[in-house]
């Protein structure tokens, strides 16, 4: 847990005064915990996209109350998790900011490809609902994107304003995930292969959802605000789960 929360290297995690473990012991512990959190039964329980109509309708109603956009089932966004340069196909993992990473798609903690299959099946059954994504995504019947350059005061401009405000929920989710599980931060590069890094991301998402389910949301909110205030708070520019100023200036994604 120390590794996931602090993002420390294995040797420094083991040398913590509360642990006193060798690097090899820390390595084995991380491997075992990550494997346990990636077990199919665990992933199905803690990383879940609504498959039943009643469950989808409950989320749609909840999202409408906050976004005022009808039939929204969730929000999608991507984030980069830095990794060491892999030995094979290294060029495929070099991102636009010239560091190696895996591109993680966040949709209520699920994989975007699986969500796409589910929503295409939903539309095939004549049930309409959609995700909200930014302009980096292609518009699809099940994926609504903002309308760029809409005239001021037009219905399209009003829709886009509501869209941007509503979709900020997934941005806050990503910030919270990375602040609470700092092994995912850019400057805490995961010294693992892409496959192992993906499993660490899955494990972090499971732990994140466990914390929310266990009622730790409020305590984590206080923790994050405290961290922010200790490092030049952004003041009115700070979102509920915003990084501290130092992290914001680093271009963290």
C-alpha atoms as a PDB file:
ATOM      1  CA  UNK A   1       0.000   0.000   0.000  1.00  0.00           C
ATOM      2  CA  UNK A   2       2.926   2.325   0.704  1.00  0.00           C
ATOM      3  CA  UNK A   3       4.085   1.881  -2.893  1.00  0.00           C
ATOM      4  CA  UNK A   4       0.671   2.663  -4.384  1.00  0.00           C
ATOM      5  CA  UNK A   5       0.082   5.678  -2.159  1.00  0.00           C
ATOM      6  CA  UNK A   6       3.554   7.239  -2.197  1.00  0.00           C
ATOM      7  CA  UNK A   7       4.859   6.079  -5.572  1.00  0.00           C
ATOM      8  CA  UNK A   8       8.270   5.427  -4.020  1.00  0.00           C
ATOM      9  CA  UNK A   9      10.822   3.087  -5.532  1.00  0.00           C
ATOM     10  CA  UNK A  10      10.944  -0.382  -4.035  1.00  0.00           C
ATOM     11  CA  UNK A  11      14.115   0.191  -2.009  1.00  0.00           C
ATOM     12  CA  UNK A  12      12.880   3.406  -0.394  1.00  0.00           C
ATOM     13  CA  UNK A  13       9.467   1.840   0.307  1.00  0.00           C
ATOM     14  CA  UNK A  14      11.172  -1.055   2.104  1.00  0.00           C
ATOM     15  CA  UNK A  15      13.473   1.222   4.117  1.00  0.00           C
ATOM     16  CA  UNK A  16      10.540   3.133   5.607  1.00  0.00           C
ATOM     17  CA  UNK A  17      10.832   3.045   9.397  1.00  0.00           C
ATOM     18  CA  UNK A  18       7.454   1.354   9.671  1.00  0.00           C
ATOM     19  CA  UNK A  19       8.396  -1.490   7.327  1.00  0.00           C
ATOM     20  CA  UNK A  20      12.076  -2.380   7.324  1.00  0.00           C
ATOM     21  CA  UNK A  21      11.792  -4.738   4.332  1.00  0.00           C
ATOM     22  CA  UNK A  22      14.408  -5.681   1.773  1.00  0.00           C
ATOM     23  CA  UNK A  23      13.967  -4.615  -1.851  1.00  0.00           C
ATOM     24  CA  UNK A  24      13.251  -8.202  -2.879  1.00  0.00           C
ATOM     25  CA  UNK A  25      10.538  -8.517  -0.211  1.00  0.00           C
ATOM     26  CA  UNK A  26       8.935  -5.277  -1.356  1.00  0.00           C
ATOM     27  CA  UNK A  27       9.057  -6.502  -4.966  1.00  0.00           C
ATOM     28  CA  UNK A  28       7.306  -9.751  -4.021  1.00  0.00           C
ATOM     29  CA  UNK A  29       4.690  -7.901  -1.964  1.00  0.00           C
ATOM     30  CA  UNK A  30       3.865  -5.473  -4.771  1.00  0.00           C
ATOM     31  CA  UNK A  31       3.595  -8.360  -7.223  1.00  0.00           C
ATOM     32  CA  UNK A  32       1.262 -10.366  -4.968  1.00  0.00           C
ATOM     33  CA  UNK A  33      -0.989  -7.432  -4.055  1.00  0.00           C
ATOM     34  CA  UNK A  34      -1.214  -6.265  -7.684  1.00  0.00           C
ATOM     35  CA  UNK A  35      -2.087  -9.778  -8.857  1.00  0.00           C
ATOM     36  CA  UNK A  36      -4.770 -10.124  -6.170  1.00  0.00           C
ATOM     37  CA  UNK A  37      -6.362  -6.795  -7.140  1.00  0.00           C
ATOM     38  CA  UNK A  38      -6.329  -7.842 -10.812  1.00  0.00           C
ATOM     39  CA  UNK A  39      -8.169 -11.114 -10.212  1.00  0.00           C
ATOM     40  CA  UNK A  40     -11.238 -11.356 -12.455  1.00  0.00           C
ATOM     41  CA  UNK A  41     -13.635 -11.618  -9.523  1.00  0.00           C
ATOM     42  CA  UNK A  42     -12.155  -8.463  -7.962  1.00  0.00           C
ATOM     43  CA  UNK A  43     -12.172  -6.445 -11.190  1.00  0.00           C
ATOM     44  CA  UNK A  44     -15.770  -7.420 -11.948  1.00  0.00           C
ATOM     45  CA  UNK A  45     -16.866  -6.320  -8.482  1.00  0.00           C
ATOM     46  CA  UNK A  46     -14.981  -3.032  -8.206  1.00  0.00           C
ATOM     47  CA  UNK A  47     -14.667  -1.858 -11.831  1.00  0.00           C
ATOM     48  CA  UNK A  48     -18.159  -2.064 -13.161  1.00  0.00           C
ATOM     49  CA  UNK A  49     -20.083  -0.493 -16.029  1.00  0.00           C
ATOM     50  CA  UNK A  50     -23.903  -0.677 -15.786  1.00  0.00           C
ATOM     51  CA  UNK A  51     -25.171  -3.550 -17.914  1.00  0.00           C
ATOM     52  CA  UNK A  52     -28.818  -3.641 -16.822  1.00  0.00           C
ATOM     53  CA  UNK A  53     -31.426  -1.041 -17.963  1.00  0.00           C
ATOM     54  CA  UNK A  54     -32.552  -0.298 -14.400  1.00  0.00           C
ATOM     55  CA  UNK A  55     -28.977   0.411 -13.354  1.00  0.00           C
ATOM     56  CA  UNK A  56     -28.387   2.644 -16.373  1.00  0.00           C
ATOM     57  CA  UNK A  57     -31.605   4.583 -15.754  1.00  0.00           C
ATOM     58  CA  UNK A  58     -30.582   5.253 -12.156  1.00  0.00           C
ATOM     59  CA  UNK A  59     -27.274   6.741 -13.334  1.00  0.00           C
ATOM     60  CA  UNK A  60     -28.981   8.717 -16.114  1.00  0.00           C
ATOM     61  CA  UNK A  61     -31.364  10.327 -13.618  1.00  0.00           C
ATOM     62  CA  UNK A  62     -28.512  11.126 -11.230  1.00  0.00           C
ATOM     63  CA  UNK A  63     -26.407  12.670 -14.003  1.00  0.00           C
ATOM     64  CA  UNK A  64     -29.332  14.743 -15.256  1.00  0.00           C
ATOM     65  CA  UNK A  65     -29.810  16.288 -11.826  1.00  0.00           C
ATOM     66  CA  UNK A  66     -26.236  17.592 -11.903  1.00  0.00           C
ATOM     67  CA  UNK A  67     -25.653  18.250 -15.619  1.00  0.00           C
ATOM     68  CA  UNK A  68     -29.147  19.078 -16.986  1.00  0.00           C
ATOM     69  CA  UNK A  69     -28.220  17.095 -20.104  1.00  0.00           C
ATOM     70  CA  UNK A  70     -30.604  14.188 -20.801  1.00  0.00           C
ATOM     71  CA  UNK A  71     -29.602  10.526 -21.166  1.00  0.00           C
ATOM     72  CA  UNK A  72     -25.991  10.923 -19.956  1.00  0.00           C
ATOM     73  CA  UNK A  73     -24.690   7.674 -18.508  1.00  0.00           C
ATOM     74  CA  UNK A  74     -21.133   8.804 -17.795  1.00  0.00           C
ATOM     75  CA  UNK A  75     -18.051  10.746 -18.821  1.00  0.00           C
ATOM     76  CA  UNK A  76     -14.856   9.739 -20.595  1.00  0.00           C
ATOM     77  CA  UNK A  77     -11.342  11.155 -20.604  1.00  0.00           C
ATOM     78  CA  UNK A  78      -7.780   9.965 -20.985  1.00  0.00           C
ATOM     79  CA  UNK A  79      -4.643  10.371 -18.898  1.00  0.00           C
ATOM     80  CA  UNK A  80      -1.015   9.367 -19.373  1.00  0.00           C
ATOM     81  CA  UNK A  81       0.834   7.228 -16.823  1.00  0.00           C
ATOM     82  CA  UNK A  82       4.599   7.432 -17.217  1.00  0.00           C
ATOM     83  CA  UNK A  83       6.586   4.202 -17.593  1.00  0.00           C
ATOM     84  CA  UNK A  84      10.189   3.310 -18.341  1.00  0.00           C
ATOM     85  CA  UNK A  85      11.071   2.875 -22.017  1.00  0.00           C
ATOM     86  CA  UNK A  86      10.053  -0.688 -22.946  1.00  0.00           C
ATOM     87  CA  UNK A  87      12.498  -2.978 -24.711  1.00  0.00           C
ATOM     88  CA  UNK A  88      10.039  -3.945 -27.450  1.00  0.00           C
ATOM     89  CA  UNK A  89       8.168  -1.463 -29.685  1.00  0.00           C
ATOM     90  CA  UNK A  90       9.517   1.448 -27.673  1.00  0.00           C
ATOM     91  CA  UNK A  91       8.260   3.994 -30.215  1.00  0.00           C
ATOM     92  CA  UNK A  92       4.625   3.003 -29.635  1.00  0.00           C
ATOM     93  CA  UNK A  93       4.810   4.269 -26.060  1.00  0.00           C
ATOM     94  CA  UNK A  94       6.442   7.648 -26.737  1.00  0.00           C
ATOM     95  CA  UNK A  95       3.742  10.277 -26.250  1.00  0.00           C
ATOM     96  CA  UNK A  96       3.405  13.812 -27.617  1.00  0.00           C
ATOM     97  CA  UNK A  97       5.319  15.244 -24.644  1.00  0.00           C
ATOM     98  CA  UNK A  98       8.321  13.033 -25.452  1.00  0.00           C
ATOM     99  CA  UNK A  99       8.168  10.681 -22.499  1.00  0.00           C
ATOM    100  CA  UNK A 100       7.094   7.038 -22.429  1.00  0.00           C
ATOM    101  CA  UNK A 101       3.640   6.330 -21.075  1.00  0.00           C
ATOM    102  CA  UNK A 102       0.511   4.262 -21.347  1.00  0.00           C
ATOM    103  CA  UNK A 103      -2.672   6.114 -22.293  1.00  0.00           C
ATOM    104  CA  UNK A 104      -5.395   5.219 -19.802  1.00  0.00           C
ATOM    105  CA  UNK A 105      -9.039   5.799 -20.684  1.00  0.00           C
ATOM    106  CA  UNK A 106     -11.246   6.499 -17.682  1.00  0.00           C
ATOM    107  CA  UNK A 107     -14.985   5.794 -17.854  1.00  0.00           C
ATOM    108  CA  UNK A 108     -16.363   5.144 -14.409  1.00  0.00           C
ATOM    109  CA  UNK A 109     -13.228   3.075 -13.869  1.00  0.00           C
ATOM    110  CA  UNK A 110     -13.788   0.805 -16.887  1.00  0.00           C
ATOM    111  CA  UNK A 111     -12.000   0.121 -20.164  1.00  0.00           C
ATOM    112  CA  UNK A 112     -13.232   2.293 -23.026  1.00  0.00           C
ATOM    113  CA  UNK A 113     -13.248  -0.566 -25.583  1.00  0.00           C
ATOM    114  CA  UNK A 114     -15.582  -2.627 -23.384  1.00  0.00           C
ATOM    115  CA  UNK A 115     -17.840   0.384 -22.752  1.00  0.00           C
ATOM    116  CA  UNK A 116     -18.020   1.002 -26.505  1.00  0.00           C
ATOM    117  CA  UNK A 117     -19.211  -2.563 -27.085  1.00  0.00           C
ATOM    118  CA  UNK A 118     -21.845  -2.247 -24.353  1.00  0.00           C
ATOM    119  CA  UNK A 119     -23.204   1.078 -25.625  1.00  0.00           C
ATOM    120  CA  UNK A 120     -23.315  -0.111 -29.240  1.00  0.00           C
ATOM    121  CA  UNK A 121     -25.369  -3.065 -28.017  1.00  0.00           C
ATOM    122  CA  UNK A 122     -27.646  -0.729 -26.056  1.00  0.00           C
ATOM    123  CA  UNK A 123     -28.276   1.405 -29.148  1.00  0.00           C
ATOM    124  CA  UNK A 124     -28.924  -1.721 -31.202  1.00  0.00           C
ATOM    125  CA  UNK A 125     -31.717  -2.466 -28.739  1.00  0.00           C
ATOM    126  CA  UNK A 126     -33.262   1.007 -29.285  1.00  0.00           C
ATOM    127  CA  UNK A 127     -32.254   2.324 -25.846  1.00  0.00           C
ATOM    128  CA  UNK A 128     -30.601   5.733 -26.120  1.00  0.00           C
ATOM    129  CA  UNK A 129     -27.918   6.892 -23.691  1.00  0.00           C
ATOM    130  CA  UNK A 130     -24.472   8.349 -24.167  1.00  0.00           C
ATOM    131  CA  UNK A 131     -21.164   9.339 -22.701  1.00  0.00           C
ATOM    132  CA  UNK A 132     -19.778  12.875 -22.731  1.00  0.00           C
ATOM    133  CA  UNK A 133     -16.260  13.253 -24.137  1.00  0.00           C
ATOM    134  CA  UNK A 134     -14.116  16.219 -25.151  1.00  0.00           C
ATOM    135  CA  UNK A 135     -13.371  17.364 -28.705  1.00  0.00           C
ATOM    136  CA  UNK A 136     -10.486  14.906 -28.967  1.00  0.00           C
ATOM    137  CA  UNK A 137     -13.033  12.134 -29.545  1.00  0.00           C
ATOM    138  CA  UNK A 138     -15.016  11.564 -32.730  1.00  0.00           C
ATOM    139  CA  UNK A 139     -18.724  12.166 -32.284  1.00  0.00           C
ATOM    140  CA  UNK A 140     -20.745   8.960 -32.168  1.00  0.00           C
ATOM    141  CA  UNK A 141     -24.439   8.292 -31.429  1.00  0.00           C
ATOM    142  CA  UNK A 142     -23.360   6.992 -27.999  1.00  0.00           C
ATOM    143  CA  UNK A 143     -20.596   9.614 -27.471  1.00  0.00           C
ATOM    144  CA  UNK A 144     -21.544  13.294 -27.388  1.00  0.00           C
ATOM    145  CA  UNK A 145     -18.793  15.898 -27.855  1.00  0.00           C
ATOM    146  CA  UNK A 146     -18.870  19.714 -27.515  1.00  0.00           C
ATOM    147  CA  UNK A 147     -19.885  21.884 -30.466  1.00  0.00           C
ATOM    148  CA  UNK A 148     -16.869  24.069 -31.129  1.00  0.00           C
ATOM    149  CA  UNK A 149     -17.144  27.713 -32.242  1.00  0.00           C
ATOM    150  CA  UNK A 150     -20.879  27.859 -31.571  1.00  0.00           C
ATOM    151  CA  UNK A 151     -22.315  31.429 -31.781  1.00  0.00           C
ATOM    152  CA  UNK A 152     -22.745  33.118 -28.420  1.00  0.00           C
ATOM    153  CA  UNK A 153     -26.255  32.784 -27.043  1.00  0.00           C
ATOM    154  CA  UNK A 154     -27.192  29.917 -29.398  1.00  0.00           C
ATOM    155  CA  UNK A 155     -28.642  26.591 -28.203  1.00  0.00           C
ATOM    156  CA  UNK A 156     -25.390  24.961 -29.346  1.00  0.00           C
ATOM    157  CA  UNK A 157     -23.353  27.315 -27.140  1.00  0.00           C
ATOM    158  CA  UNK A 158     -25.623  26.615 -24.175  1.00  0.00           C
ATOM    159  CA  UNK A 159     -25.263  22.869 -24.739  1.00  0.00           C
ATOM    160  CA  UNK A 160     -21.470  23.157 -24.945  1.00  0.00           C
ATOM    161  CA  UNK A 161     -21.302  25.151 -21.701  1.00  0.00           C
ATOM    162  CA  UNK A 162     -23.351  22.482 -19.906  1.00  0.00           C
ATOM    163  CA  UNK A 163     -21.249  19.768 -21.545  1.00  0.00           C
ATOM    164  CA  UNK A 164     -17.929  21.247 -20.381  1.00  0.00           C
ATOM    165  CA  UNK A 165     -19.190  21.762 -16.857  1.00  0.00           C
ATOM    166  CA  UNK A 166     -20.607  18.238 -16.597  1.00  0.00           C
ATOM    167  CA  UNK A 167     -17.587  16.490 -18.107  1.00  0.00           C
ATOM    168  CA  UNK A 168     -15.273  18.121 -15.578  1.00  0.00           C
ATOM    169  CA  UNK A 169     -16.400  15.332 -13.225  1.00  0.00           C
ATOM    170  CA  UNK A 170     -14.103  12.833 -14.943  1.00  0.00           C
ATOM    171  CA  UNK A 171     -11.216  15.305 -14.821  1.00  0.00           C
ATOM    172  CA  UNK A 172     -11.680  15.606 -11.071  1.00  0.00           C
ATOM    173  CA  UNK A 173     -11.830  11.826 -10.839  1.00  0.00           C
ATOM    174  CA  UNK A 174      -8.461  11.491 -12.590  1.00  0.00           C
ATOM    175  CA  UNK A 175      -6.877  14.153 -10.379  1.00  0.00           C
ATOM    176  CA  UNK A 176      -8.152  12.432  -7.251  1.00  0.00           C
ATOM    177  CA  UNK A 177      -6.908   9.054  -8.464  1.00  0.00           C
ATOM    178  CA  UNK A 178      -3.410  10.381  -9.136  1.00  0.00           C
ATOM    179  CA  UNK A 179      -3.120  12.424  -5.959  1.00  0.00           C
ATOM    180  CA  UNK A 180      -4.218   9.523  -3.747  1.00  0.00           C
ATOM    181  CA  UNK A 181      -2.191   6.930  -5.676  1.00  0.00           C
ATOM    182  CA  UNK A 182       0.968   8.829  -6.517  1.00  0.00           C
ATOM    183  CA  UNK A 183       2.599   5.887  -8.262  1.00  0.00           C
ATOM    184  CA  UNK A 184       0.552   7.104 -11.277  1.00  0.00           C
ATOM    185  CA  UNK A 185       2.029  10.606 -11.330  1.00  0.00           C
ATOM    186  CA  UNK A 186       4.314  11.568 -14.180  1.00  0.00           C
ATOM    187  CA  UNK A 187       7.368  12.273 -12.015  1.00  0.00           C
ATOM    188  CA  UNK A 188       6.966   8.881 -10.243  1.00  0.00           C
ATOM    189  CA  UNK A 189       7.773   6.881 -13.383  1.00  0.00           C
ATOM    190  CA  UNK A 190       6.657   3.258 -13.138  1.00  0.00           C
ATOM    191  CA  UNK A 191       9.808   1.163 -13.621  1.00  0.00           C
ATOM    192  CA  UNK A 192       7.837  -1.714 -15.105  1.00  0.00           C
ATOM    193  CA  UNK A 193       6.847  -3.154 -18.466  1.00  0.00           C
ATOM    194  CA  UNK A 194       3.654  -1.796 -20.096  1.00  0.00           C
ATOM    195  CA  UNK A 195       1.745  -4.937 -19.073  1.00  0.00           C
ATOM    196  CA  UNK A 196       2.764  -4.654 -15.413  1.00  0.00           C
ATOM    197  CA  UNK A 197       2.092  -0.912 -15.464  1.00  0.00           C
ATOM    198  CA  UNK A 198      -1.445  -1.530 -16.736  1.00  0.00           C
ATOM    199  CA  UNK A 199      -2.015  -3.967 -13.895  1.00  0.00           C
ATOM    200  CA  UNK A 200      -0.815  -1.360 -11.394  1.00  0.00           C
ATOM    201  CA  UNK A 201      -3.292   1.132 -12.898  1.00  0.00           C
ATOM    202  CA  UNK A 202      -6.087  -1.440 -12.528  1.00  0.00           C
ATOM    203  CA  UNK A 203      -5.085  -2.083  -8.924  1.00  0.00           C
ATOM    204  CA  UNK A 204      -5.082   1.640  -8.156  1.00  0.00           C
ATOM    205  CA  UNK A 205      -8.570   2.002  -9.649  1.00  0.00           C
ATOM    206  CA  UNK A 206      -9.832  -0.893  -7.520  1.00  0.00           C
ATOM    207  CA  UNK A 207      -8.357   0.637  -4.365  1.00  0.00           C
ATOM    208  CA  UNK A 208      -9.852   4.015  -5.330  1.00  0.00           C
ATOM    209  CA  UNK A 209     -13.338   2.528  -5.658  1.00  0.00           C
ATOM    210  CA  UNK A 210     -12.906   0.597  -2.412  1.00  0.00           C
ATOM    211  CA  UNK A 211     -12.093   3.864  -0.634  1.00  0.00           C
ATOM    212  CA  UNK A 212     -15.193   5.567  -2.030  1.00  0.00           C
ATOM    213  CA  UNK A 213     -17.384   2.591  -1.168  1.00  0.00           C
ATOM    214  CA  UNK A 214     -15.920   2.522   2.326  1.00  0.00           C
ATOM    215  CA  UNK A 215     -16.888   6.132   2.960  1.00  0.00           C
ATOM    216  CA  UNK A 216     -13.375   7.600   2.837  1.00  0.00           C
ATOM    217  CA  UNK A 217     -14.315  10.326   0.348  1.00  0.00           C
ATOM    218  CA  UNK A 218     -14.694  13.116   2.920  1.00  0.00           C
ATOM    219  CA  UNK A 219     -11.445  12.306   4.709  1.00  0.00           C
ATOM    220  CA  UNK A 220      -9.570  12.242   1.407  1.00  0.00           C
ATOM    221  CA  UNK A 221     -11.097  15.614   0.480  1.00  0.00           C
ATOM    222  CA  UNK A 222      -9.674  17.097   3.700  1.00  0.00           C
ATOM    223  CA  UNK A 223      -6.310  15.475   3.010  1.00  0.00           C
ATOM    224  CA  UNK A 224      -6.102  16.883  -0.514  1.00  0.00           C
ATOM    225  CA  UNK A 225      -7.090  20.389   0.580  1.00  0.00           C
ATOM    226  CA  UNK A 226      -4.467  20.227   3.314  1.00  0.00           C
ATOM    227  CA  UNK A 227      -1.817  19.155   0.817  1.00  0.00           C
ATOM    228  CA  UNK A 228      -2.818  22.010  -1.493  1.00  0.00           C
ATOM    229  CA  UNK A 229      -2.695  24.629   1.264  1.00  0.00           C
ATOM    230  CA  UNK A 230       0.774  23.490   2.268  1.00  0.00           C
ATOM    231  CA  UNK A 231       2.089  24.177  -1.226  1.00  0.00           C
ATOM    232  CA  UNK A 232       0.899  27.591  -2.481  1.00  0.00           C
ATOM    233  CA  UNK A 233      -2.820  26.978  -2.929  1.00  0.00           C
ATOM    234  CA  UNK A 234      -4.306  27.959  -6.285  1.00  0.00           C
ATOM    235  CA  UNK A 235      -7.133  29.770  -4.473  1.00  0.00           C
ATOM    236  CA  UNK A 236     -10.167  30.464  -6.676  1.00  0.00           C
ATOM    237  CA  UNK A 237      -8.526  28.641  -9.587  1.00  0.00           C
ATOM    238  CA  UNK A 238      -8.368  25.403  -7.618  1.00  0.00           C
ATOM    239  CA  UNK A 239     -10.978  22.720  -8.448  1.00  0.00           C
ATOM    240  CA  UNK A 240     -12.283  20.441  -5.719  1.00  0.00           C
ATOM    241  CA  UNK A 241      -9.619  17.830  -6.441  1.00  0.00           C
ATOM    242  CA  UNK A 242      -7.020  20.095  -8.057  1.00  0.00           C
ATOM    243  CA  UNK A 243      -3.322  19.338  -7.858  1.00  0.00           C
ATOM    244  CA  UNK A 244      -1.095  21.642  -5.896  1.00  0.00           C
ATOM    245  CA  UNK A 245       0.467  24.524  -7.812  1.00  0.00           C
ATOM    246  CA  UNK A 246       3.783  22.756  -8.299  1.00  0.00           C
ATOM    247  CA  UNK A 247       2.108  19.754  -9.971  1.00  0.00           C
ATOM    248  CA  UNK A 248      -0.087  22.006 -12.122  1.00  0.00           C
ATOM    249  CA  UNK A 249       2.929  23.875 -13.467  1.00  0.00           C
ATOM    250  CA  UNK A 250       4.656  20.613 -14.348  1.00  0.00           C
ATOM    251  CA  UNK A 251       2.018  19.879 -17.001  1.00  0.00           C
ATOM    252  CA  UNK A 252       0.803  16.730 -15.259  1.00  0.00           C
ATOM    253  CA  UNK A 253      -1.846  14.881 -17.246  1.00  0.00           C
END
